Amino acid sequence: MTTLVSPTQVLQLYRSLIRYGQNLQLTDKQYYLRRVREEFRANKDLQAPEKIEFMFKKGQSLLQRKRLI
């Protein structure tokens, strides 16, 4: 069962990922920020709720684990 992810939640996740990236110490900040922006741009036109939810959870897990891989 899929949960609908609102555009507000996606924007909040984006901002959180950017904020997290600005505080990185042992990772190349510019690379991280570029990758986050590229991922969001590449997926901005997603329509399928399942894919949107998958990508949203992927971003959330990155924040929770504090790891890029």
PDB file of N, CA and C in Angstrom:
ATOM      1  N   MET A   1       0.843  -1.183   0.000  1.00  0.00           N
ATOM      2  CA  MET A   1       0.000   0.000   0.000  1.00  0.00           C
ATOM      3  C   MET A   1       0.890   1.248   0.000  1.00  0.00           C
ATOM      4  N   THR A   2       0.565   2.182  -0.865  1.00  0.00           N
ATOM      5  CA  THR A   2       1.373   3.395  -0.960  1.00  0.00           C
ATOM      6  C   THR A   2       0.728   4.528  -0.176  1.00  0.00           C
ATOM      7  N   THR A   3       1.580   5.357   0.360  1.00  0.00           N
ATOM      8  CA  THR A   3       1.125   6.541   1.061  1.00  0.00           C
ATOM      9  C   THR A   3       1.403   7.724   0.153  1.00  0.00           C
ATOM     10  N   LEU A   4       0.448   8.617   0.043  1.00  0.00           N
ATOM     11  CA  LEU A   4       0.665   9.776  -0.808  1.00  0.00           C
ATOM     12  C   LEU A   4       1.659  10.729  -0.152  1.00  0.00           C
ATOM     13  N   VAL A   5       2.653  11.122  -0.912  1.00  0.00           N
ATOM     14  CA  VAL A   5       3.663  12.065  -0.446  1.00  0.00           C
ATOM     15  C   VAL A   5       3.310  13.418  -1.048  1.00  0.00           C
ATOM     16  N   SER A   6       3.115  14.406  -0.194  1.00  0.00           N
ATOM     17  CA  SER A   6       2.714  15.725  -0.677  1.00  0.00           C
ATOM     18  C   SER A   6       3.926  16.509  -1.190  1.00  0.00           C
ATOM     19  N   PRO A   7       3.686  17.463  -2.072  1.00  0.00           N
ATOM     20  CA  PRO A   7       4.781  18.317  -2.546  1.00  0.00           C
ATOM     21  C   PRO A   7       5.472  19.053  -1.395  1.00  0.00           C
ATOM     22  N   THR A   8       4.719  19.389  -0.361  1.00  0.00           N
ATOM     23  CA  THR A   8       5.293  20.052   0.808  1.00  0.00           C
ATOM     24  C   THR A   8       6.298  19.144   1.505  1.00  0.00           C
ATOM     25  N   GLN A   9       5.972  17.864   1.605  1.00  0.00           N
ATOM     26  CA  GLN A   9       6.887  16.906   2.230  1.00  0.00           C
ATOM     27  C   GLN A   9       8.160  16.758   1.402  1.00  0.00           C
ATOM     28  N   VAL A  10       8.011  16.747   0.092  1.00  0.00           N
ATOM     29  CA  VAL A  10       9.171  16.626  -0.796  1.00  0.00           C
ATOM     30  C   VAL A  10      10.072  17.850  -0.643  1.00  0.00           C
ATOM     31  N   LEU A  11       9.478  19.030  -0.609  1.00  0.00           N
ATOM     32  CA  LEU A  11      10.253  20.258  -0.439  1.00  0.00           C
ATOM     33  C   LEU A  11      10.957  20.273   0.916  1.00  0.00           C
ATOM     34  N   GLN A  12      10.268  19.816   1.934  1.00  0.00           N
ATOM     35  CA  GLN A  12      10.857  19.746   3.271  1.00  0.00           C
ATOM     36  C   GLN A  12      12.052  18.779   3.283  1.00  0.00           C
ATOM     37  N   LEU A  13      11.912  17.648   2.613  1.00  0.00           N
ATOM     38  CA  LEU A  13      13.010  16.683   2.511  1.00  0.00           C
ATOM     39  C   LEU A  13      14.194  17.305   1.769  1.00  0.00           C
ATOM     40  N   TYR A  14      13.922  17.985   0.671  1.00  0.00           N
ATOM     41  CA  TYR A  14      14.981  18.644  -0.104  1.00  0.00           C
ATOM     42  C   TYR A  14      15.750  19.630   0.770  1.00  0.00           C
ATOM     43  N   ARG A  15      15.022  20.457   1.485  1.00  0.00           N
ATOM     44  CA  ARG A  15      15.664  21.449   2.355  1.00  0.00           C
ATOM     45  C   ARG A  15      16.486  20.777   3.455  1.00  0.00           C
ATOM     46  N   SER A  16      15.962  19.703   4.008  1.00  0.00           N
ATOM     47  CA  SER A  16      16.688  18.976   5.058  1.00  0.00           C
ATOM     48  C   SER A  16      17.980  18.373   4.514  1.00  0.00           C
ATOM     49  N   LEU A  17      17.912  17.809   3.316  1.00  0.00           N
ATOM     50  CA  LEU A  17      19.107  17.229   2.702  1.00  0.00           C
ATOM     51  C   LEU A  17      20.156  18.304   2.408  1.00  0.00           C
ATOM     52  N   ILE A  18      19.709  19.460   1.949  1.00  0.00           N
ATOM     53  CA  ILE A  18      20.630  20.564   1.668  1.00  0.00           C
ATOM     54  C   ILE A  18      21.267  21.054   2.968  1.00  0.00           C
ATOM     55  N   ARG A  19      20.452  21.222   4.012  1.00  0.00           N
ATOM     56  CA  ARG A  19      20.987  21.649   5.309  1.00  0.00           C
ATOM     57  C   ARG A  19      22.010  20.646   5.838  1.00  0.00           C
ATOM     58  N   TYR A  20      21.681  19.379   5.723  1.00  0.00           N
ATOM     59  CA  TYR A  20      22.599  18.332   6.167  1.00  0.00           C
ATOM     60  C   TYR A  20      23.917  18.418   5.392  1.00  0.00           C
ATOM     61  N   GLY A  21      23.823  18.645   4.113  1.00  0.00           N
ATOM     62  CA  GLY A  21      25.013  18.724   3.270  1.00  0.00           C
ATOM     63  C   GLY A  21      25.920  19.891   3.612  1.00  0.00           C
ATOM     64  N   GLN A  22      25.347  20.967   4.101  1.00  0.00           N
ATOM     65  CA  GLN A  22      26.151  22.132   4.456  1.00  0.00           C
ATOM     66  C   GLN A  22      26.962  21.899   5.729  1.00  0.00           C
ATOM     67  N   ASN A  23      26.604  20.875   6.493  1.00  0.00           N
ATOM     68  CA  ASN A  23      27.307  20.582   7.743  1.00  0.00           C
ATOM     69  C   ASN A  23      28.245  19.386   7.638  1.00  0.00           C
ATOM     70  N   LEU A  24      28.416  18.840   6.452  1.00  0.00           N
ATOM     71  CA  LEU A  24      29.310  17.693   6.284  1.00  0.00           C
ATOM     72  C   LEU A  24      30.751  18.104   6.551  1.00  0.00           C
ATOM     73  N   GLN A  25      31.505  17.179   7.146  1.00  0.00           N
ATOM     74  CA  GLN A  25      32.898  17.495   7.442  1.00  0.00           C
ATOM     75  C   GLN A  25      33.872  16.576   6.709  1.00  0.00           C
ATOM     76  N   LEU A  26      33.583  15.304   6.634  1.00  0.00           N
ATOM     77  CA  LEU A  26      34.527  14.359   6.042  1.00  0.00           C
ATOM     78  C   LEU A  26      34.158  13.963   4.612  1.00  0.00           C
ATOM     79  N   THR A  27      33.212  14.663   4.034  1.00  0.00           N
ATOM     80  CA  THR A  27      32.755  14.374   2.679  1.00  0.00           C
ATOM     81  C   THR A  27      32.826  15.663   1.867  1.00  0.00           C
ATOM     82  N   ASP A  28      33.036  15.539   0.584  1.00  0.00           N
ATOM     83  CA  ASP A  28      33.062  16.703  -0.301  1.00  0.00           C
ATOM     84  C   ASP A  28      31.669  17.324  -0.353  1.00  0.00           C
ATOM     85  N   LYS A  29      31.513  18.492   0.245  1.00  0.00           N
ATOM     86  CA  LYS A  29      30.205  19.153   0.329  1.00  0.00           C
ATOM     87  C   LYS A  29      29.631  19.465  -1.051  1.00  0.00           C
ATOM     88  N   GLN A  30      30.481  19.972  -1.932  1.00  0.00           N
ATOM     89  CA  GLN A  30      30.001  20.352  -3.258  1.00  0.00           C
ATOM     90  C   GLN A  30      29.490  19.148  -4.032  1.00  0.00           C
ATOM     91  N   TYR A  31      30.187  18.040  -3.923  1.00  0.00           N
ATOM     92  CA  TYR A  31      29.747  16.812  -4.588  1.00  0.00           C
ATOM     93  C   TYR A  31      28.394  16.372  -4.037  1.00  0.00           C
ATOM     94  N   TYR A  32      28.268  16.347  -2.727  1.00  0.00           N
ATOM     95  CA  TYR A  32      27.018  15.930  -2.087  1.00  0.00           C
ATOM     96  C   TYR A  32      25.865  16.832  -2.527  1.00  0.00           C
ATOM     97  N   LEU A  33      26.056  18.141  -2.441  1.00  0.00           N
ATOM     98  CA  LEU A  33      24.990  19.078  -2.800  1.00  0.00           C
ATOM     99  C   LEU A  33      24.615  18.950  -4.274  1.00  0.00           C
ATOM    100  N   ARG A  34      25.621  18.776  -5.130  1.00  0.00           N
ATOM    101  CA  ARG A  34      25.349  18.597  -6.562  1.00  0.00           C
ATOM    102  C   ARG A  34      24.526  17.339  -6.805  1.00  0.00           C
ATOM    103  N   ARG A  35      24.876  16.231  -6.131  1.00  0.00           N
ATOM    104  CA  ARG A  35      24.143  14.968  -6.292  1.00  0.00           C
ATOM    105  C   ARG A  35      22.694  15.102  -5.824  1.00  0.00           C
ATOM    106  N   VAL A  36      22.480  15.777  -4.710  1.00  0.00           N
ATOM    107  CA  VAL A  36      21.112  15.974  -4.213  1.00  0.00           C
ATOM    108  C   VAL A  36      20.311  16.766  -5.237  1.00  0.00           C
ATOM    109  N   ARG A  37      20.872  17.851  -5.716  1.00  0.00           N
ATOM    110  CA  ARG A  37      20.163  18.681  -6.701  1.00  0.00           C
ATOM    111  C   ARG A  37      19.883  17.910  -7.987  1.00  0.00           C
ATOM    112  N   GLU A  38      20.871  17.143  -8.444  1.00  0.00           N
ATOM    113  CA  GLU A  38      20.686  16.350  -9.667  1.00  0.00           C
ATOM    114  C   GLU A  38      19.582  15.314  -9.496  1.00  0.00           C
ATOM    115  N   GLU A  39      19.549  14.649  -8.355  1.00  0.00           N
ATOM    116  CA  GLU A  39      18.515  13.633  -8.102  1.00  0.00           C
ATOM    117  C   GLU A  39      17.127  14.263  -8.110  1.00  0.00           C
ATOM    118  N   PHE A  40      16.990  15.403  -7.456  1.00  0.00           N
ATOM    119  CA  PHE A  40      15.680  16.052  -7.415  1.00  0.00           C
ATOM    120  C   PHE A  40      15.270  16.549  -8.798  1.00  0.00           C
ATOM    121  N   ARG A  41      16.203  17.094  -9.546  1.00  0.00           N
ATOM    122  CA  ARG A  41      15.881  17.545 -10.909  1.00  0.00           C
ATOM    123  C   ARG A  41      15.495  16.372 -11.804  1.00  0.00           C
ATOM    124  N   ALA A  42      16.222  15.278 -11.681  1.00  0.00           N
ATOM    125  CA  ALA A  42      15.963  14.105 -12.519  1.00  0.00           C
ATOM    126  C   ALA A  42      14.600  13.487 -12.223  1.00  0.00           C
ATOM    127  N   ASN A  43      14.118  13.656 -11.012  1.00  0.00           N
ATOM    128  CA  ASN A  43      12.864  13.017 -10.611  1.00  0.00           C
ATOM    129  C   ASN A  43      11.715  14.000 -10.416  1.00  0.00           C
ATOM    130  N   LYS A  44      11.881  15.229 -10.861  1.00  0.00           N
ATOM    131  CA  LYS A  44      10.846  16.235 -10.627  1.00  0.00           C
ATOM    132  C   LYS A  44       9.537  15.944 -11.368  1.00  0.00           C
ATOM    133  N   ASP A  45       9.605  15.177 -12.440  1.00  0.00           N
ATOM    134  CA  ASP A  45       8.407  14.906 -13.230  1.00  0.00           C
ATOM    135  C   ASP A  45       7.790  13.535 -12.954  1.00  0.00           C
ATOM    136  N   LEU A  46       8.206  12.887 -11.886  1.00  0.00           N
ATOM    137  CA  LEU A  46       7.631  11.577 -11.548  1.00  0.00           C
ATOM    138  C   LEU A  46       6.135  11.708 -11.306  1.00  0.00           C
ATOM    139  N   GLN A  47       5.378  10.766 -11.825  1.00  0.00           N
ATOM    140  CA  GLN A  47       3.930  10.777 -11.662  1.00  0.00           C
ATOM    141  C   GLN A  47       3.423   9.586 -10.861  1.00  0.00           C
ATOM    142  N   ALA A  48       4.099   8.467 -10.964  1.00  0.00           N
ATOM    143  CA  ALA A  48       3.649   7.240 -10.301  1.00  0.00           C
ATOM    144  C   ALA A  48       3.833   7.363  -8.789  1.00  0.00           C
ATOM    145  N   PRO A  49       2.753   7.234  -8.025  1.00  0.00           N
ATOM    146  CA  PRO A  49       2.842   7.354  -6.564  1.00  0.00           C
ATOM    147  C   PRO A  49       3.850   6.392  -5.941  1.00  0.00           C
ATOM    148  N   GLU A  50       3.979   5.186  -6.513  1.00  0.00           N
ATOM    149  CA  GLU A  50       4.915   4.204  -5.961  1.00  0.00           C
ATOM    150  C   GLU A  50       6.360   4.688  -6.104  1.00  0.00           C
ATOM    151  N   LYS A  51       6.668   5.264  -7.260  1.00  0.00           N
ATOM    152  CA  LYS A  51       8.032   5.744  -7.497  1.00  0.00           C
ATOM    153  C   LYS A  51       8.332   6.973  -6.645  1.00  0.00           C
ATOM    154  N   ILE A  52       7.340   7.845  -6.512  1.00  0.00           N
ATOM    155  CA  ILE A  52       7.514   9.035  -5.674  1.00  0.00           C
ATOM    156  C   ILE A  52       7.781   8.614  -4.234  1.00  0.00           C
ATOM    157  N   GLU A  53       6.999   7.670  -3.755  1.00  0.00           N
ATOM    158  CA  GLU A  53       7.176   7.196  -2.381  1.00  0.00           C
ATOM    159  C   GLU A  53       8.538   6.528  -2.204  1.00  0.00           C
ATOM    160  N   PHE A  54       8.966   5.738  -3.196  1.00  0.00           N
ATOM    161  CA  PHE A  54      10.268   5.072  -3.122  1.00  0.00           C
ATOM    162  C   PHE A  54      11.397   6.097  -3.019  1.00  0.00           C
ATOM    163  N   MET A  55      11.363   7.107  -3.875  1.00  0.00           N
ATOM    164  CA  MET A  55      12.417   8.119  -3.864  1.00  0.00           C
ATOM    165  C   MET A  55      12.381   8.939  -2.571  1.00  0.00           C
ATOM    166  N   PHE A  56      11.185   9.211  -2.075  1.00  0.00           N
ATOM    167  CA  PHE A  56      11.040   9.952  -0.823  1.00  0.00           C
ATOM    168  C   PHE A  56      11.660   9.168   0.333  1.00  0.00           C
ATOM    169  N   LYS A  57      11.353   7.878   0.386  1.00  0.00           N
ATOM    170  CA  LYS A  57      11.913   7.031   1.448  1.00  0.00           C
ATOM    171  C   LYS A  57      13.425   6.904   1.319  1.00  0.00           C
ATOM    172  N   LYS A  58      13.913   6.893   0.095  1.00  0.00           N
ATOM    173  CA  LYS A  58      15.360   6.836  -0.146  1.00  0.00           C
ATOM    174  C   LYS A  58      16.036   8.075   0.451  1.00  0.00           C
ATOM    175  N   GLY A  59      15.442   9.226   0.236  1.00  0.00           N
ATOM    176  CA  GLY A  59      15.986  10.467   0.801  1.00  0.00           C
ATOM    177  C   GLY A  59      15.908  10.494   2.311  1.00  0.00           C
ATOM    178  N   GLN A  60      14.794  10.019   2.850  1.00  0.00           N
ATOM    179  CA  GLN A  60      14.645   9.973   4.303  1.00  0.00           C
ATOM    180  C   GLN A  60      15.672   9.039   4.934  1.00  0.00           C
ATOM    181  N   SER A  61      15.897   7.906   4.306  1.00  0.00           N
ATOM    182  CA  SER A  61      16.854   6.951   4.868  1.00  0.00           C
ATOM    183  C   SER A  61      18.270   7.520   4.842  1.00  0.00           C
ATOM    184  N   LEU A  62      18.589   8.302   3.823  1.00  0.00           N
ATOM    185  CA  LEU A  62      19.900   8.941   3.773  1.00  0.00           C
ATOM    186  C   LEU A  62      20.074   9.869   4.972  1.00  0.00           C
ATOM    187  N   LEU A  63      19.039  10.620   5.299  1.00  0.00           N
ATOM    188  CA  LEU A  63      19.114  11.519   6.450  1.00  0.00           C
ATOM    189  C   LEU A  63      19.217  10.744   7.761  1.00  0.00           C
ATOM    190  N   GLN A  64      18.485   9.665   7.877  1.00  0.00           N
ATOM    191  CA  GLN A  64      18.483   8.894   9.118  1.00  0.00           C
ATOM    192  C   GLN A  64      19.804   8.175   9.341  1.00  0.00           C
ATOM    193  N   ARG A  65      20.358   7.600   8.287  1.00  0.00           N
ATOM    194  CA  ARG A  65      21.605   6.840   8.421  1.00  0.00           C
ATOM    195  C   ARG A  65      22.825   7.734   8.461  1.00  0.00           C
ATOM    196  N   LYS A  66      22.692   8.957   7.932  1.00  0.00           N
ATOM    197  CA  LYS A  66      23.816   9.895   7.842  1.00  0.00           C
ATOM    198  C   LYS A  66      24.952   9.322   7.000  1.00  0.00           C
ATOM    199  N   ARG A  67      24.577   8.565   5.972  1.00  0.00           N
ATOM    200  CA  ARG A  67      25.571   7.979   5.066  1.00  0.00           C
ATOM    201  C   ARG A  67      25.126   8.209   3.635  1.00  0.00           C
ATOM    202  N   LEU A  68      26.077   8.380   2.755  1.00  0.00           N
ATOM    203  CA  LEU A  68      25.769   8.645   1.351  1.00  0.00           C
ATOM    204  C   LEU A  68      25.473   7.393   0.562  1.00  0.00           C
ATOM    205  N   ILE A  69      25.993   6.256   0.979  1.00  0.00           N
ATOM    206  CA  ILE A  69      25.821   5.027   0.204  1.00  0.00           C
ATOM    207  C   ILE A  69      24.572   4.311   0.638  1.00  0.00           C
TER     208      ILE A  69
END
